[in-house]
Amino acid sequence: MGRDASGWDSIAGTRLWIQPGERIFWRGEPDSGVIFGPEDVILIPFSILWGGFAIFWEVGVTMQGWSVGTLWGVPFVLIGLYLIFGRFVYKHVNRRHTRYAITDRRVVVARKAGREVQSALLSQPSQVKRRRDGRHATLTWQLPGSQPPRRWPFGSSSTPFGLGSMDSGWPMGTQSSQGGLGFYDIVDPDAALRAIGAVGMQGGEMVTFPRP
């Protein structure tokens, strides 16, 4: 059954990334209400230590009078404040503008109204992590030719302390930089997994675009 996608979900920018004739078997988005992730077990104590020390340093130096040391400490204070508060705001806003799709060809992650799109050939996810609530799960795929993230003593991503995690809220921890693709904290992940298994069977949602 055909569907006109010209007005479908303007936030996702569907017209910019869905290919003509591509069948959508599942579509969803990350739950923007879920703020904390597994990486925060390390990131929160680390950010408090970083931010607390930076603020303590800045206050101490400033009390002795303005100097080069005062200016030198400002970036560290700003980074600390971002780690403590800002990254959660960034993560929330980023999730609100992120959409996921499973088609008969690909798994797709679209951001920024479809201007930033990453996709991979359809396959079973390399990892499925379910939350304790039983409602949310994260599905991740390792892209062909990419190296698995390096394992650090204090972080399971390509950077220590989990800062490179693809969903940590750290701007440099993007999926492309990690060589992976993920559907983070989706509701009813079993529906997405069933959609992957359904490809090749009758069904799906044919998306068509009107002629210009």
C-alpha atoms as a PDB file:
ATOM      1  CA  MET A   1       0.000   0.000   0.000  1.00  0.00           C
ATOM      2  CA  GLY A   2       1.520   3.276  -1.073  1.00  0.00           C
ATOM      3  CA  ARG A   3       2.036   6.303   1.113  1.00  0.00           C
ATOM      4  CA  ASP A   4       2.848   9.864   0.127  1.00  0.00           C
ATOM      5  CA  ALA A   5       5.910  10.810   2.154  1.00  0.00           C
ATOM      6  CA  SER A   6       6.070  14.445   1.076  1.00  0.00           C
ATOM      7  CA  GLY A   7       4.739  15.608   4.440  1.00  0.00           C
ATOM      8  CA  TRP A   8       5.841  12.747   6.647  1.00  0.00           C
ATOM      9  CA  ASP A   9       7.659  13.902   9.758  1.00  0.00           C
ATOM     10  CA  SER A  10       9.279  17.175   8.736  1.00  0.00           C
ATOM     11  CA  ILE A  11      11.750  16.888  11.632  1.00  0.00           C
ATOM     12  CA  ALA A  12      13.198  13.771  10.043  1.00  0.00           C
ATOM     13  CA  GLY A  13      13.468  15.402   6.616  1.00  0.00           C
ATOM     14  CA  THR A  14      12.147  12.238   5.019  1.00  0.00           C
ATOM     15  CA  ARG A  15      12.346  13.565   1.477  1.00  0.00           C
ATOM     16  CA  LEU A  16      16.082  14.021   1.869  1.00  0.00           C
ATOM     17  CA  TRP A  17      16.944  10.446   2.752  1.00  0.00           C
ATOM     18  CA  ILE A  18      14.222   7.963   1.783  1.00  0.00           C
ATOM     19  CA  GLN A  19      14.945   6.559  -1.655  1.00  0.00           C
ATOM     20  CA  PRO A  20      12.121   6.234  -4.203  1.00  0.00           C
ATOM     21  CA  GLY A  21      10.409   2.873  -3.864  1.00  0.00           C
ATOM     22  CA  GLU A  22      12.089   2.043  -0.589  1.00  0.00           C
ATOM     23  CA  ARG A  23       9.866   0.117   1.809  1.00  0.00           C
ATOM     24  CA  ILE A  24       9.795   1.150   5.442  1.00  0.00           C
ATOM     25  CA  PHE A  25       9.262  -1.759   7.815  1.00  0.00           C
ATOM     26  CA  TRP A  26       9.751   0.181  11.036  1.00  0.00           C
ATOM     27  CA  ARG A  27      10.339   3.757  12.120  1.00  0.00           C
ATOM     28  CA  GLY A  28      10.953   5.261  15.522  1.00  0.00           C
ATOM     29  CA  GLU A  29      13.023   7.643  17.580  1.00  0.00           C
ATOM     30  CA  PRO A  30      15.061   7.724  20.800  1.00  0.00           C
ATOM     31  CA  ASP A  31      13.102   8.425  23.944  1.00  0.00           C
ATOM     32  CA  SER A  32      14.137  11.995  24.801  1.00  0.00           C
ATOM     33  CA  GLY A  33      12.827  11.470  28.328  1.00  0.00           C
ATOM     34  CA  VAL A  34      15.596   8.985  29.072  1.00  0.00           C
ATOM     35  CA  ILE A  35      18.552  11.093  30.169  1.00  0.00           C
ATOM     36  CA  PHE A  36      21.045   8.802  31.860  1.00  0.00           C
ATOM     37  CA  GLY A  37      22.966   6.042  30.132  1.00  0.00           C
ATOM     38  CA  PRO A  38      25.395   3.309  31.225  1.00  0.00           C
ATOM     39  CA  GLU A  39      28.355   5.585  30.543  1.00  0.00           C
ATOM     40  CA  ASP A  40      27.107   8.013  33.225  1.00  0.00           C
ATOM     41  CA  VAL A  41      28.221   5.624  35.969  1.00  0.00           C
ATOM     42  CA  ILE A  42      31.725   6.868  35.135  1.00  0.00           C
ATOM     43  CA  LEU A  43      30.966  10.212  33.491  1.00  0.00           C
ATOM     44  CA  ILE A  44      29.015  11.805  36.353  1.00  0.00           C
ATOM     45  CA  PRO A  45      31.707  11.297  39.050  1.00  0.00           C
ATOM     46  CA  PHE A  46      34.377  12.290  36.510  1.00  0.00           C
ATOM     47  CA  SER A  47      32.523  15.472  35.512  1.00  0.00           C
ATOM     48  CA  ILE A  48      31.955  16.481  39.150  1.00  0.00           C
ATOM     49  CA  LEU A  49      35.642  15.993  39.938  1.00  0.00           C
ATOM     50  CA  TRP A  50      36.721  17.902  36.825  1.00  0.00           C
ATOM     51  CA  GLY A  51      34.223  20.722  37.300  1.00  0.00           C
ATOM     52  CA  GLY A  52      34.769  20.993  41.036  1.00  0.00           C
ATOM     53  CA  PHE A  53      38.540  21.197  40.711  1.00  0.00           C
ATOM     54  CA  ALA A  54      38.323  23.709  37.836  1.00  0.00           C
ATOM     55  CA  ILE A  55      35.944  25.978  39.770  1.00  0.00           C
ATOM     56  CA  PHE A  56      38.060  25.687  42.935  1.00  0.00           C
ATOM     57  CA  TRP A  57      41.156  26.622  40.932  1.00  0.00           C
ATOM     58  CA  GLU A  58      39.456  29.553  39.232  1.00  0.00           C
ATOM     59  CA  VAL A  59      38.047  30.966  42.460  1.00  0.00           C
ATOM     60  CA  GLY A  60      41.408  30.620  44.218  1.00  0.00           C
ATOM     61  CA  VAL A  61      43.338  32.322  41.431  1.00  0.00           C
ATOM     62  CA  THR A  62      40.748  35.091  41.022  1.00  0.00           C
ATOM     63  CA  MET A  63      40.837  35.910  44.725  1.00  0.00           C
ATOM     64  CA  GLN A  64      44.524  36.680  44.345  1.00  0.00           C
ATOM     65  CA  GLY A  65      43.788  39.143  41.556  1.00  0.00           C
ATOM     66  CA  TRP A  66      43.232  38.887  37.830  1.00  0.00           C
ATOM     67  CA  SER A  67      46.131  37.328  35.952  1.00  0.00           C
ATOM     68  CA  VAL A  68      47.002  35.019  33.061  1.00  0.00           C
ATOM     69  CA  GLY A  69      46.150  32.100  35.354  1.00  0.00           C
ATOM     70  CA  THR A  70      42.601  33.389  35.650  1.00  0.00           C
ATOM     71  CA  LEU A  71      42.106  33.357  31.887  1.00  0.00           C
ATOM     72  CA  TRP A  72      43.884  30.011  31.580  1.00  0.00           C
ATOM     73  CA  GLY A  73      41.340  28.377  33.890  1.00  0.00           C
ATOM     74  CA  VAL A  74      38.209  29.664  32.135  1.00  0.00           C
ATOM     75  CA  PRO A  75      38.108  26.943  29.398  1.00  0.00           C
ATOM     76  CA  PHE A  76      38.437  24.217  32.032  1.00  0.00           C
ATOM     77  CA  VAL A  77      35.542  25.680  34.007  1.00  0.00           C
ATOM     78  CA  LEU A  78      33.381  25.846  30.885  1.00  0.00           C
ATOM     79  CA  ILE A  79      34.212  22.244  29.984  1.00  0.00           C
ATOM     80  CA  GLY A  80      33.386  21.194  33.537  1.00  0.00           C
ATOM     81  CA  LEU A  81      30.020  22.961  33.457  1.00  0.00           C
ATOM     82  CA  TYR A  82      29.222  21.369  30.117  1.00  0.00           C
ATOM     83  CA  LEU A  83      30.099  17.910  31.430  1.00  0.00           C
ATOM     84  CA  ILE A  84      27.936  18.395  34.512  1.00  0.00           C
ATOM     85  CA  PHE A  85      24.897  20.084  32.918  1.00  0.00           C
ATOM     86  CA  GLY A  86      25.292  21.024  29.280  1.00  0.00           C
ATOM     87  CA  ARG A  87      25.704  17.598  27.768  1.00  0.00           C
ATOM     88  CA  PHE A  88      22.312  16.517  29.098  1.00  0.00           C
ATOM     89  CA  VAL A  89      20.675  19.492  27.372  1.00  0.00           C
ATOM     90  CA  TYR A  90      22.559  18.674  24.172  1.00  0.00           C
ATOM     91  CA  LYS A  91      21.554  15.024  24.423  1.00  0.00           C
ATOM     92  CA  HIS A  92      17.871  15.897  24.974  1.00  0.00           C
ATOM     93  CA  VAL A  93      17.731  18.303  22.023  1.00  0.00           C
ATOM     94  CA  ASN A  94      19.674  15.925  19.780  1.00  0.00           C
ATOM     95  CA  ARG A  95      17.280  13.080  20.562  1.00  0.00           C
ATOM     96  CA  ARG A  96      14.237  15.228  19.801  1.00  0.00           C
ATOM     97  CA  HIS A  97      15.614  15.782  16.296  1.00  0.00           C
ATOM     98  CA  THR A  98      16.702  12.204  15.623  1.00  0.00           C
ATOM     99  CA  ARG A  99      14.704   9.583  13.739  1.00  0.00           C
ATOM    100  CA  TYR A 100      15.362   5.902  13.049  1.00  0.00           C
ATOM    101  CA  ALA A 101      14.097   3.683  10.263  1.00  0.00           C
ATOM    102  CA  ILE A 102      14.411   0.110   9.081  1.00  0.00           C
ATOM    103  CA  THR A 103      13.733  -0.361   5.389  1.00  0.00           C
ATOM    104  CA  ASP A 104      13.957  -3.277   3.016  1.00  0.00           C
ATOM    105  CA  ARG A 105      17.496  -2.122   2.223  1.00  0.00           C
ATOM    106  CA  ARG A 106      19.019  -0.304   5.165  1.00  0.00           C
ATOM    107  CA  VAL A 107      18.997   0.757   8.778  1.00  0.00           C
ATOM    108  CA  VAL A 108      18.934   4.565   8.876  1.00  0.00           C
ATOM    109  CA  VAL A 109      19.684   7.260  11.438  1.00  0.00           C
ATOM    110  CA  ALA A 110      18.574  10.778  10.434  1.00  0.00           C
ATOM    111  CA  ARG A 111      19.266  13.989  12.324  1.00  0.00           C
ATOM    112  CA  LYS A 112      18.861  17.736  11.801  1.00  0.00           C
ATOM    113  CA  ALA A 113      15.793  17.453   9.564  1.00  0.00           C
ATOM    114  CA  GLY A 114      17.490  14.855   7.401  1.00  0.00           C
ATOM    115  CA  ARG A 115      20.589  16.914   6.674  1.00  0.00           C
ATOM    116  CA  GLU A 116      22.749  14.489   8.646  1.00  0.00           C
ATOM    117  CA  VAL A 117      22.068  10.887   7.704  1.00  0.00           C
ATOM    118  CA  GLN A 118      23.917   7.678   8.384  1.00  0.00           C
ATOM    119  CA  SER A 119      22.865   4.289   7.110  1.00  0.00           C
ATOM    120  CA  ALA A 120      24.129   0.746   6.779  1.00  0.00           C
ATOM    121  CA  LEU A 121      23.044  -2.284   4.820  1.00  0.00           C
ATOM    122  CA  LEU A 122      20.276  -4.130   6.601  1.00  0.00           C
ATOM    123  CA  SER A 123      21.513  -6.796   8.989  1.00  0.00           C
ATOM    124  CA  GLN A 124      20.924  -8.082  12.480  1.00  0.00           C
ATOM    125  CA  PRO A 125      22.333  -5.708  15.125  1.00  0.00           C
ATOM    126  CA  SER A 126      25.729  -6.624  16.480  1.00  0.00           C
ATOM    127  CA  GLN A 127      24.532  -5.836  19.998  1.00  0.00           C
ATOM    128  CA  VAL A 128      21.220  -5.409  21.819  1.00  0.00           C
ATOM    129  CA  LYS A 129      21.284  -3.817  25.277  1.00  0.00           C
ATOM    130  CA  ARG A 130      17.999  -3.775  27.185  1.00  0.00           C
ATOM    131  CA  ARG A 131      17.273  -1.463  30.089  1.00  0.00           C
ATOM    132  CA  ARG A 132      15.968  -2.848  33.356  1.00  0.00           C
ATOM    133  CA  ASP A 133      12.545  -1.291  32.771  1.00  0.00           C
ATOM    134  CA  GLY A 134      11.981  -3.797  29.965  1.00  0.00           C
ATOM    135  CA  ARG A 135      10.583  -1.076  27.685  1.00  0.00           C
ATOM    136  CA  HIS A 136      13.739   0.420  26.230  1.00  0.00           C
ATOM    137  CA  ALA A 137      16.721  -1.032  24.455  1.00  0.00           C
ATOM    138  CA  THR A 138      19.655   0.109  22.347  1.00  0.00           C
ATOM    139  CA  LEU A 139      20.476  -1.629  19.083  1.00  0.00           C
ATOM    140  CA  THR A 140      23.926  -1.077  17.609  1.00  0.00           C
ATOM    141  CA  TRP A 141      25.624  -2.081  14.385  1.00  0.00           C
ATOM    142  CA  GLN A 142      29.367  -2.128  13.725  1.00  0.00           C
ATOM    143  CA  LEU A 143      29.980  -0.709  10.271  1.00  0.00           C
ATOM    144  CA  PRO A 144      31.977  -2.848   7.794  1.00  0.00           C
ATOM    145  CA  GLY A 145      35.689  -2.117   7.815  1.00  0.00           C
ATOM    146  CA  SER A 146      35.587  -0.207  11.099  1.00  0.00           C
ATOM    147  CA  GLN A 147      37.621  -1.135  14.123  1.00  0.00           C
ATOM    148  CA  PRO A 148      35.828  -2.001  17.384  1.00  0.00           C
ATOM    149  CA  PRO A 149      36.121   0.749  20.006  1.00  0.00           C
ATOM    150  CA  ARG A 150      39.220   0.578  22.136  1.00  0.00           C
ATOM    151  CA  ARG A 151      38.596  -0.656  25.663  1.00  0.00           C
ATOM    152  CA  TRP A 152      39.833   1.704  28.357  1.00  0.00           C
ATOM    153  CA  PRO A 153      40.070   0.934  32.072  1.00  0.00           C
ATOM    154  CA  PHE A 154      37.538   3.682  32.874  1.00  0.00           C
ATOM    155  CA  GLY A 155      35.388   3.644  29.756  1.00  0.00           C
ATOM    156  CA  SER A 156      34.148   1.248  27.108  1.00  0.00           C
ATOM    157  CA  SER A 157      34.414   3.665  24.182  1.00  0.00           C
ATOM    158  CA  SER A 158      37.253   5.007  22.054  1.00  0.00           C
ATOM    159  CA  THR A 159      38.074   7.595  24.719  1.00  0.00           C
ATOM    160  CA  PRO A 160      38.598   7.212  28.479  1.00  0.00           C
ATOM    161  CA  PHE A 161      35.762   7.835  30.936  1.00  0.00           C
ATOM    162  CA  GLY A 162      33.135   7.124  28.256  1.00  0.00           C
ATOM    163  CA  LEU A 163      33.408  10.575  26.649  1.00  0.00           C
ATOM    164  CA  GLY A 164      33.439   9.029  23.188  1.00  0.00           C
ATOM    165  CA  SER A 165      30.251   7.078  23.712  1.00  0.00           C
ATOM    166  CA  MET A 166      27.931   7.639  20.758  1.00  0.00           C
ATOM    167  CA  ASP A 167      25.122   8.763  23.053  1.00  0.00           C
ATOM    168  CA  SER A 168      27.004  10.400  25.928  1.00  0.00           C
ATOM    169  CA  GLY A 169      26.051  13.955  25.009  1.00  0.00           C
ATOM    170  CA  TRP A 170      29.641  14.791  24.138  1.00  0.00           C
ATOM    171  CA  PRO A 171      29.576  16.393  20.640  1.00  0.00           C
ATOM    172  CA  MET A 172      32.714  14.548  19.526  1.00  0.00           C
ATOM    173  CA  GLY A 173      31.223  11.190  20.496  1.00  0.00           C
ATOM    174  CA  THR A 174      29.339  10.831  17.208  1.00  0.00           C
ATOM    175  CA  GLN A 175      28.324   7.578  15.614  1.00  0.00           C
ATOM    176  CA  SER A 176      30.489   8.164  12.545  1.00  0.00           C
ATOM    177  CA  SER A 177      33.599   8.770  14.667  1.00  0.00           C
ATOM    178  CA  GLN A 178      32.934   5.468  16.454  1.00  0.00           C
ATOM    179  CA  GLY A 179      32.546   3.465  13.267  1.00  0.00           C
ATOM    180  CA  GLY A 180      29.111   2.347  14.362  1.00  0.00           C
ATOM    181  CA  LEU A 181      25.425   3.054  14.083  1.00  0.00           C
ATOM    182  CA  GLY A 182      22.873   2.830  16.852  1.00  0.00           C
ATOM    183  CA  PHE A 183      19.193   3.088  17.726  1.00  0.00           C
ATOM    184  CA  TYR A 184      19.341   4.435  21.286  1.00  0.00           C
ATOM    185  CA  ASP A 185      16.694   3.875  23.949  1.00  0.00           C
ATOM    186  CA  ILE A 186      13.899   2.991  21.539  1.00  0.00           C
ATOM    187  CA  VAL A 187      10.545   1.948  22.947  1.00  0.00           C
ATOM    188  CA  ASP A 188       9.371  -1.573  22.066  1.00  0.00           C
ATOM    189  CA  PRO A 189      12.674  -2.757  20.563  1.00  0.00           C
ATOM    190  CA  ASP A 190      11.119  -6.135  19.768  1.00  0.00           C
ATOM    191  CA  ALA A 191       9.050  -4.425  17.065  1.00  0.00           C
ATOM    192  CA  ALA A 192      12.276  -3.214  15.439  1.00  0.00           C
ATOM    193  CA  LEU A 193      13.828  -6.663  15.663  1.00  0.00           C
ATOM    194  CA  ARG A 194      10.721  -8.221  14.151  1.00  0.00           C
ATOM    195  CA  ALA A 195      10.885  -5.686  11.331  1.00  0.00           C
ATOM    196  CA  ILE A 196      14.415  -6.780  10.496  1.00  0.00           C
ATOM    197  CA  GLY A 197      13.241 -10.379  10.338  1.00  0.00           C
ATOM    198  CA  ALA A 198      10.241  -9.405   8.232  1.00  0.00           C
ATOM    199  CA  VAL A 199      12.275  -8.009   5.356  1.00  0.00           C
ATOM    200  CA  GLY A 200      11.757 -10.211   2.338  1.00  0.00           C
ATOM    201  CA  MET A 201       8.299 -11.210   3.536  1.00  0.00           C
ATOM    202  CA  GLN A 202       5.068  -9.630   2.407  1.00  0.00           C
ATOM    203  CA  GLY A 203       4.417  -6.331   4.139  1.00  0.00           C
ATOM    204  CA  GLY A 204       6.217  -3.121   4.664  1.00  0.00           C
ATOM    205  CA  GLU A 205       5.171   0.369   3.836  1.00  0.00           C
ATOM    206  CA  MET A 206       5.864   1.597   0.335  1.00  0.00           C
ATOM    207  CA  VAL A 207       6.896   5.235   0.449  1.00  0.00           C
ATOM    208  CA  THR A 208       6.417   7.262  -2.718  1.00  0.00           C
ATOM    209  CA  PHE A 209       7.109  10.866  -3.565  1.00  0.00           C
ATOM    210  CA  PRO A 210       5.018  13.098  -5.807  1.00  0.00           C
ATOM    211  CA  ARG A 211       6.591  14.173  -9.046  1.00  0.00           C
ATOM    212  CA  PRO A 212       8.036  17.680  -8.962  1.00  0.00           C
END
